Amino acid sequence: MKNVILIMLSLFFVTACGNGGQKKAQNTDAATETKTAVADANTVYVYYFHGKQRCMTCNTVEKVAKQAIEANYASNTNVKFLVLPTDDKANEALVEKYEISWNGLIIDKGGNVINITEQAFANAVNSPDVLADLIKSEVNKRLN
């Protein structure tokens, strides 16, 4: 009985952190953007790195970050939000540069980098407005 419960719990966690069906087109666009991102030091990049399996918090971090960028910088071509799978070879240079092992939320403009992964995962689910405000604040610091 214990083994059955353990197996069921394991299966639950594996499926709960499943990839939610990422689109190939998004990965292709992200790979193209990645090459551009490395070269353009005048743009503020908000990178959300993720692995194949994503939990509710992982998805929420991406959602809140994307909404924060769209709400505050939709018409600003100097701010870009990129979702980058860590297992994609096209993103390998950025994964190494920012020392990402699984997930990460990084804001960078020409080497002025901040890693807000810890704050993102601490606030995304229960205090998304705190995360959105942090993203806005850090992007604004790099725009000025």
N, C-alpha and C. Protein backbone atom coordinates (compact mmCIF):
# COMPACT_ATOMS: atom_id res chain seq x y z
N MET A 1 0.83 -1.20 0.00
CA MET A 1 0.00 0.00 0.00
C MET A 1 0.87 1.27 0.00
N LYS A 2 1.93 1.24 0.80
CA LYS A 2 2.83 2.40 0.84
C LYS A 2 3.47 2.64 -0.52
N ASN A 3 3.84 1.55 -1.19
CA ASN A 3 4.45 1.69 -2.51
C ASN A 3 3.49 2.29 -3.52
N VAL A 4 2.24 1.89 -3.45
CA VAL A 4 1.23 2.42 -4.38
C VAL A 4 1.05 3.91 -4.15
N ILE A 5 0.96 4.32 -2.91
CA ILE A 5 0.81 5.74 -2.58
C ILE A 5 2.03 6.52 -3.03
N LEU A 6 3.21 5.98 -2.79
CA LEU A 6 4.45 6.64 -3.20
C LEU A 6 4.51 6.79 -4.72
N ILE A 7 4.14 5.75 -5.44
CA ILE A 7 4.14 5.82 -6.90
C ILE A 7 3.13 6.84 -7.39
N MET A 8 1.95 6.86 -6.79
CA MET A 8 0.92 7.82 -7.21
C MET A 8 1.37 9.26 -6.94
N LEU A 9 1.98 9.49 -5.79
CA LEU A 9 2.48 10.83 -5.48
C LEU A 9 3.58 11.23 -6.46
N SER A 10 4.45 10.31 -6.79
CA SER A 10 5.52 10.60 -7.74
C SER A 10 4.94 10.96 -9.10
N LEU A 11 3.97 10.20 -9.55
CA LEU A 11 3.33 10.50 -10.84
C LEU A 11 2.63 11.84 -10.81
N PHE A 12 2.00 12.16 -9.70
CA PHE A 12 1.32 13.46 -9.57
C PHE A 12 2.32 14.60 -9.73
N PHE A 13 3.45 14.52 -9.04
CA PHE A 13 4.44 15.59 -9.11
C PHE A 13 5.05 15.70 -10.50
N VAL A 14 5.28 14.58 -11.14
CA VAL A 14 5.85 14.61 -12.49
C VAL A 14 4.88 15.28 -13.46
N THR A 15 3.60 14.93 -13.37
CA THR A 15 2.63 15.55 -14.29
C THR A 15 2.31 16.98 -13.89
N ALA A 16 2.36 17.30 -12.61
CA ALA A 16 2.08 18.68 -12.18
C ALA A 16 3.15 19.64 -12.68
N CYS A 17 4.35 19.16 -12.83
CA CYS A 17 5.45 20.00 -13.31
C CYS A 17 5.70 19.78 -14.80
N GLY A 18 4.74 19.24 -15.51
CA GLY A 18 4.87 18.98 -16.94
C GLY A 18 5.01 20.24 -17.74
N ASN A 19 5.39 20.09 -18.98
CA ASN A 19 5.72 21.23 -19.83
C ASN A 19 4.53 21.99 -20.38
N GLY A 20 3.32 21.59 -20.18
CA GLY A 20 2.17 22.38 -20.61
C GLY A 20 2.13 22.67 -22.10
N GLY A 21 2.83 21.92 -22.93
CA GLY A 21 2.73 22.04 -24.38
C GLY A 21 3.32 23.31 -24.96
N GLN A 22 4.59 23.56 -24.75
CA GLN A 22 5.24 24.73 -25.36
C GLN A 22 5.19 24.61 -26.87
N LYS A 23 4.99 25.71 -27.54
CA LYS A 23 4.89 25.73 -29.00
C LYS A 23 6.28 25.81 -29.62
N LYS A 24 6.48 25.07 -30.69
CA LYS A 24 7.76 25.09 -31.40
C LYS A 24 8.05 26.47 -31.97
N ALA A 25 7.03 27.16 -32.44
CA ALA A 25 7.23 28.49 -33.01
C ALA A 25 7.80 29.44 -31.98
N GLN A 26 7.33 29.33 -30.74
CA GLN A 26 7.84 30.20 -29.68
C GLN A 26 9.32 29.93 -29.45
N ASN A 27 9.70 28.65 -29.47
CA ASN A 27 11.10 28.30 -29.28
C ASN A 27 11.96 28.84 -30.42
N THR A 28 11.46 28.78 -31.64
CA THR A 28 12.20 29.30 -32.78
C THR A 28 12.35 30.81 -32.68
N ASP A 29 11.27 31.50 -32.32
CA ASP A 29 11.34 32.95 -32.14
C ASP A 29 12.31 33.31 -31.03
N ALA A 30 12.28 32.55 -29.94
CA ALA A 30 13.18 32.82 -28.82
C ALA A 30 14.63 32.62 -29.24
N ALA A 31 14.89 31.60 -30.05
CA ALA A 31 16.26 31.36 -30.50
C ALA A 31 16.75 32.51 -31.37
N THR A 32 15.89 33.02 -32.22
CA THR A 32 16.25 34.17 -33.05
C THR A 32 16.50 35.39 -32.17
N GLU A 33 15.63 35.62 -31.21
CA GLU A 33 15.78 36.75 -30.29
C GLU A 33 17.06 36.60 -29.47
N THR A 34 17.42 35.36 -29.10
CA THR A 34 18.62 35.13 -28.30
C THR A 34 19.84 35.65 -29.02
N LYS A 35 19.96 35.38 -30.30
CA LYS A 35 21.11 35.84 -31.07
C LYS A 35 21.16 37.36 -31.11
N THR A 36 20.00 37.98 -31.24
CA THR A 36 19.92 39.44 -31.25
C THR A 36 20.27 39.99 -29.87
N ALA A 37 19.79 39.32 -28.83
CA ALA A 37 19.97 39.79 -27.46
C ALA A 37 21.44 39.89 -27.08
N VAL A 38 22.23 38.96 -27.56
CA VAL A 38 23.64 38.96 -27.21
C VAL A 38 24.33 40.20 -27.78
N ALA A 39 23.87 40.68 -28.92
CA ALA A 39 24.55 41.77 -29.62
C ALA A 39 24.08 43.17 -29.23
N ASP A 40 22.87 43.36 -28.76
CA ASP A 40 22.29 44.69 -28.56
C ASP A 40 22.40 45.15 -27.11
N ALA A 41 23.36 46.04 -26.85
CA ALA A 41 23.60 46.53 -25.49
C ALA A 41 22.72 47.71 -25.12
N ASN A 42 21.91 48.22 -26.05
CA ASN A 42 21.04 49.37 -25.76
C ASN A 42 19.65 48.95 -25.33
N THR A 43 19.39 47.67 -25.33
CA THR A 43 18.07 47.16 -24.99
C THR A 43 18.10 46.50 -23.62
N VAL A 44 17.03 46.69 -22.86
CA VAL A 44 16.87 45.99 -21.58
C VAL A 44 16.19 44.66 -21.89
N TYR A 45 16.86 43.58 -21.55
CA TYR A 45 16.31 42.25 -21.77
C TYR A 45 15.87 41.67 -20.44
N VAL A 46 14.64 41.18 -20.42
CA VAL A 46 14.13 40.43 -19.27
C VAL A 46 14.03 38.99 -19.76
N TYR A 47 14.92 38.16 -19.25
CA TYR A 47 14.98 36.77 -19.68
C TYR A 47 14.30 35.89 -18.64
N TYR A 48 13.41 35.03 -19.09
CA TYR A 48 12.88 33.99 -18.21
C TYR A 48 13.37 32.65 -18.76
N PHE A 49 14.28 32.02 -18.03
CA PHE A 49 14.82 30.72 -18.40
C PHE A 49 14.01 29.63 -17.71
N HIS A 50 13.76 28.53 -18.42
CA HIS A 50 13.03 27.42 -17.80
C HIS A 50 13.49 26.09 -18.36
N GLY A 51 13.31 25.06 -17.56
CA GLY A 51 13.60 23.70 -17.99
C GLY A 51 12.38 23.09 -18.66
N LYS A 52 12.48 21.81 -19.01
CA LYS A 52 11.38 21.14 -19.70
C LYS A 52 10.16 20.99 -18.81
N GLN A 53 10.35 20.56 -17.59
CA GLN A 53 9.22 20.35 -16.69
C GLN A 53 9.02 21.61 -15.85
N ARG A 54 7.77 22.09 -15.85
CA ARG A 54 7.50 23.36 -15.18
C ARG A 54 6.33 23.20 -14.22
N CYS A 55 6.51 23.67 -13.02
CA CYS A 55 5.46 23.60 -12.01
C CYS A 55 4.58 24.85 -12.09
N MET A 56 3.58 24.91 -11.22
CA MET A 56 2.66 26.05 -11.21
C MET A 56 3.42 27.36 -10.96
N THR A 57 4.36 27.34 -10.03
CA THR A 57 5.11 28.56 -9.72
C THR A 57 5.95 28.99 -10.92
N CYS A 58 6.57 28.04 -11.60
CA CYS A 58 7.36 28.37 -12.79
C CYS A 58 6.50 29.08 -13.83
N ASN A 59 5.33 28.52 -14.09
CA ASN A 59 4.42 29.12 -15.07
C ASN A 59 3.94 30.49 -14.62
N THR A 60 3.72 30.64 -13.32
CA THR A 60 3.25 31.92 -12.79
C THR A 60 4.33 32.99 -12.88
N VAL A 61 5.57 32.63 -12.61
CA VAL A 61 6.68 33.60 -12.76
C VAL A 61 6.70 34.12 -14.19
N GLU A 62 6.61 33.22 -15.15
CA GLU A 62 6.61 33.65 -16.56
C GLU A 62 5.42 34.56 -16.84
N LYS A 63 4.25 34.17 -16.39
CA LYS A 63 3.02 34.94 -16.65
C LYS A 63 3.10 36.34 -16.06
N VAL A 64 3.52 36.44 -14.80
CA VAL A 64 3.60 37.75 -14.13
C VAL A 64 4.65 38.62 -14.80
N ALA A 65 5.81 38.05 -15.13
CA ALA A 65 6.87 38.82 -15.78
C ALA A 65 6.41 39.32 -17.15
N LYS A 66 5.79 38.46 -17.91
CA LYS A 66 5.30 38.85 -19.24
C LYS A 66 4.26 39.96 -19.13
N GLN A 67 3.32 39.81 -18.20
CA GLN A 67 2.29 40.84 -18.01
C GLN A 67 2.90 42.17 -17.57
N ALA A 68 3.89 42.11 -16.69
CA ALA A 68 4.54 43.34 -16.22
C ALA A 68 5.21 44.08 -17.37
N ILE A 69 5.88 43.35 -18.23
CA ILE A 69 6.56 43.97 -19.37
C ILE A 69 5.53 44.51 -20.36
N GLU A 70 4.52 43.72 -20.67
CA GLU A 70 3.50 44.18 -21.63
C GLU A 70 2.72 45.39 -21.10
N ALA A 71 2.41 45.39 -19.81
CA ALA A 71 1.62 46.49 -19.23
C ALA A 71 2.41 47.79 -19.17
N ASN A 72 3.71 47.70 -18.96
CA ASN A 72 4.51 48.91 -18.75
C ASN A 72 5.36 49.34 -19.94
N TYR A 73 5.67 48.40 -20.84
CA TYR A 73 6.63 48.72 -21.89
C TYR A 73 6.19 48.23 -23.28
N ALA A 74 4.91 48.08 -23.49
CA ALA A 74 4.41 47.54 -24.76
C ALA A 74 4.90 48.34 -25.96
N SER A 75 4.97 49.65 -25.82
CA SER A 75 5.38 50.49 -26.95
C SER A 75 6.87 50.85 -26.93
N ASN A 76 7.60 50.34 -25.97
CA ASN A 76 9.02 50.64 -25.84
C ASN A 76 9.85 49.54 -26.50
N THR A 77 10.44 49.85 -27.63
CA THR A 77 11.23 48.85 -28.36
C THR A 77 12.57 48.55 -27.69
N ASN A 78 12.90 49.30 -26.64
CA ASN A 78 14.15 49.07 -25.92
C ASN A 78 13.98 48.13 -24.74
N VAL A 79 12.81 47.51 -24.60
CA VAL A 79 12.57 46.53 -23.55
C VAL A 79 11.99 45.28 -24.20
N LYS A 80 12.64 44.15 -23.94
CA LYS A 80 12.18 42.88 -24.51
C LYS A 80 12.10 41.81 -23.45
N PHE A 81 11.04 41.03 -23.52
CA PHE A 81 10.85 39.87 -22.64
C PHE A 81 11.03 38.61 -23.48
N LEU A 82 11.94 37.76 -23.05
CA LEU A 82 12.23 36.53 -23.78
C LEU A 82 12.09 35.32 -22.88
N VAL A 83 11.38 34.32 -23.36
CA VAL A 83 11.25 33.04 -22.66
C VAL A 83 12.20 32.07 -23.34
N LEU A 84 13.16 31.56 -22.56
CA LEU A 84 14.23 30.74 -23.13
C LEU A 84 14.32 29.38 -22.45
N PRO A 85 14.09 28.30 -23.19
CA PRO A 85 14.28 26.97 -22.62
C PRO A 85 15.77 26.71 -22.39
N THR A 86 16.11 26.24 -21.21
CA THR A 86 17.52 26.02 -20.88
C THR A 86 18.13 24.86 -21.65
N ASP A 87 17.31 23.96 -22.15
CA ASP A 87 17.83 22.80 -22.87
C ASP A 87 17.99 23.05 -24.37
N ASP A 88 17.64 24.22 -24.84
CA ASP A 88 17.77 24.56 -26.26
C ASP A 88 19.21 25.00 -26.53
N LYS A 89 19.85 24.35 -27.48
CA LYS A 89 21.25 24.67 -27.81
C LYS A 89 21.43 26.13 -28.21
N ALA A 90 20.41 26.73 -28.81
CA ALA A 90 20.50 28.14 -29.23
C ALA A 90 20.66 29.08 -28.03
N ASN A 91 20.26 28.62 -26.85
CA ASN A 91 20.32 29.46 -25.65
C ASN A 91 21.52 29.14 -24.77
N GLU A 92 22.35 28.21 -25.21
CA GLU A 92 23.46 27.72 -24.40
C GLU A 92 24.39 28.83 -23.91
N ALA A 93 24.71 29.78 -24.76
CA ALA A 93 25.63 30.86 -24.37
C ALA A 93 25.03 31.71 -23.25
N LEU A 94 23.74 32.02 -23.35
CA LEU A 94 23.10 32.83 -22.30
C LEU A 94 22.95 32.04 -21.01
N VAL A 95 22.63 30.75 -21.11
CA VAL A 95 22.51 29.90 -19.92
C VAL A 95 23.84 29.88 -19.17
N GLU A 96 24.93 29.77 -19.90
CA GLU A 96 26.26 29.77 -19.28
C GLU A 96 26.62 31.15 -18.74
N LYS A 97 26.33 32.18 -19.51
CA LYS A 97 26.66 33.55 -19.10
C LYS A 97 26.01 33.91 -17.76
N TYR A 98 24.73 33.56 -17.61
CA TYR A 98 23.99 33.91 -16.39
C TYR A 98 23.99 32.80 -15.35
N GLU A 99 24.73 31.72 -15.64
CA GLU A 99 24.88 30.60 -14.72
C GLU A 99 23.53 30.04 -14.28
N ILE A 100 22.69 29.75 -15.26
CA ILE A 100 21.36 29.21 -15.00
C ILE A 100 21.46 27.69 -14.97
N SER A 101 20.95 27.09 -13.90
CA SER A 101 20.96 25.64 -13.83
C SER A 101 19.59 25.04 -14.15
N TRP A 102 18.52 25.74 -13.86
CA TRP A 102 17.19 25.23 -14.15
C TRP A 102 16.27 26.37 -14.59
N ASN A 103 15.85 27.21 -13.64
CA ASN A 103 14.99 28.36 -13.94
C ASN A 103 15.71 29.64 -13.53
N GLY A 104 15.33 30.74 -14.17
CA GLY A 104 15.93 32.01 -13.79
C GLY A 104 15.17 33.18 -14.38
N LEU A 105 15.15 34.29 -13.65
CA LEU A 105 14.59 35.54 -14.15
C LEU A 105 15.69 36.58 -14.05
N ILE A 106 16.19 37.00 -15.19
CA ILE A 106 17.35 37.88 -15.28
C ILE A 106 16.96 39.15 -16.02
N ILE A 107 17.45 40.29 -15.53
CA ILE A 107 17.26 41.56 -16.24
C ILE A 107 18.66 42.08 -16.56
N ASP A 108 18.88 42.41 -17.84
CA ASP A 108 20.21 42.82 -18.28
C ASP A 108 20.12 43.92 -19.33
N LYS A 109 20.97 44.90 -19.17
CA LYS A 109 21.18 45.91 -20.21
C LYS A 109 22.67 46.17 -20.30
N GLY A 110 23.27 45.69 -21.35
CA GLY A 110 24.68 45.94 -21.60
C GLY A 110 25.61 45.56 -20.46
N GLY A 111 25.33 44.47 -19.78
CA GLY A 111 26.18 44.03 -18.68
C GLY A 111 25.73 44.48 -17.31
N ASN A 112 24.75 45.38 -17.24
CA ASN A 112 24.16 45.78 -15.96
C ASN A 112 23.08 44.76 -15.65
N VAL A 113 23.47 43.72 -14.90
CA VAL A 113 22.64 42.52 -14.72
C VAL A 113 22.16 42.39 -13.28
N ILE A 114 20.91 41.94 -13.15
CA ILE A 114 20.41 41.54 -11.84
C ILE A 114 19.64 40.23 -12.00
N ASN A 115 19.90 39.32 -11.10
CA ASN A 115 19.21 38.03 -11.06
C ASN A 115 18.14 38.14 -9.98
N ILE A 116 16.87 38.15 -10.39
CA ILE A 116 15.78 38.27 -9.42
C ILE A 116 14.99 36.97 -9.30
N THR A 117 15.64 35.86 -9.60
CA THR A 117 14.99 34.56 -9.56
C THR A 117 14.41 34.26 -8.18
N GLU A 118 15.20 34.47 -7.15
CA GLU A 118 14.76 34.14 -5.80
C GLU A 118 13.51 34.94 -5.41
N GLN A 119 13.54 36.25 -5.67
CA GLN A 119 12.39 37.09 -5.36
C GLN A 119 11.19 36.71 -6.23
N ALA A 120 11.44 36.34 -7.47
CA ALA A 120 10.36 35.96 -8.39
C ALA A 120 9.62 34.73 -7.87
N PHE A 121 10.36 33.72 -7.48
CA PHE A 121 9.71 32.50 -7.01
C PHE A 121 9.09 32.68 -5.63
N ALA A 122 9.60 33.60 -4.85
CA ALA A 122 9.03 33.87 -3.53
C ALA A 122 7.71 34.63 -3.63
N ASN A 123 7.53 35.42 -4.68
CA ASN A 123 6.36 36.31 -4.75
C ASN A 123 5.36 36.01 -5.85
N ALA A 124 5.71 35.25 -6.85
CA ALA A 124 4.86 35.09 -8.04
C ALA A 124 3.45 34.61 -7.72
N VAL A 125 3.31 33.64 -6.87
CA VAL A 125 1.99 33.05 -6.61
C VAL A 125 1.18 33.88 -5.62
N ASN A 126 1.77 34.22 -4.49
CA ASN A 126 1.01 34.89 -3.42
C ASN A 126 1.04 36.41 -3.48
N SER A 127 2.06 36.98 -4.09
CA SER A 127 2.18 38.45 -4.17
C SER A 127 2.67 38.85 -5.56
N PRO A 128 1.90 38.57 -6.60
CA PRO A 128 2.37 38.88 -7.95
C PRO A 128 2.62 40.36 -8.19
N ASP A 129 1.89 41.22 -7.48
CA ASP A 129 2.10 42.66 -7.63
C ASP A 129 3.48 43.07 -7.12
N VAL A 130 3.99 42.39 -6.11
CA VAL A 130 5.34 42.67 -5.60
C VAL A 130 6.37 42.32 -6.67
N LEU A 131 6.18 41.19 -7.32
CA LEU A 131 7.09 40.79 -8.40
C LEU A 131 7.00 41.76 -9.57
N ALA A 132 5.79 42.13 -9.96
CA ALA A 132 5.60 43.06 -11.08
C ALA A 132 6.26 44.40 -10.78
N ASP A 133 6.12 44.88 -9.55
CA ASP A 133 6.74 46.15 -9.16
C ASP A 133 8.27 46.05 -9.18
N LEU A 134 8.80 44.91 -8.74
CA LEU A 134 10.25 44.70 -8.75
C LEU A 134 10.78 44.71 -10.19
N ILE A 135 10.09 44.02 -11.07
CA ILE A 135 10.50 43.99 -12.48
C ILE A 135 10.47 45.40 -13.05
N LYS A 136 9.40 46.12 -12.82
CA LYS A 136 9.27 47.49 -13.33
C LYS A 136 10.39 48.37 -12.79
N SER A 137 10.67 48.27 -11.51
CA SER A 137 11.71 49.07 -10.88
C SER A 137 13.09 48.78 -11.49
N GLU A 138 13.41 47.50 -11.65
CA GLU A 138 14.72 47.12 -12.18
C GLU A 138 14.86 47.49 -13.65
N VAL A 139 13.80 47.36 -14.42
CA VAL A 139 13.85 47.76 -15.83
C VAL A 139 14.04 49.27 -15.92
N ASN A 140 13.27 50.02 -15.12
CA ASN A 140 13.38 51.49 -15.13
C ASN A 140 14.79 51.96 -14.77
N LYS A 141 15.44 51.30 -13.81
CA LYS A 141 16.81 51.65 -13.44
C LYS A 141 17.74 51.53 -14.65
N ARG A 142 17.48 50.56 -15.48
CA ARG A 142 18.35 50.32 -16.63
C ARG A 142 17.98 51.18 -17.84
N LEU A 143 16.78 51.71 -17.85
CA LEU A 143 16.37 52.60 -18.94
C LEU A 143 16.91 54.01 -18.75
N ASN A 144 17.13 54.40 -17.52
CA ASN A 144 17.58 55.78 -17.22
C ASN A 144 19.08 55.93 -17.34
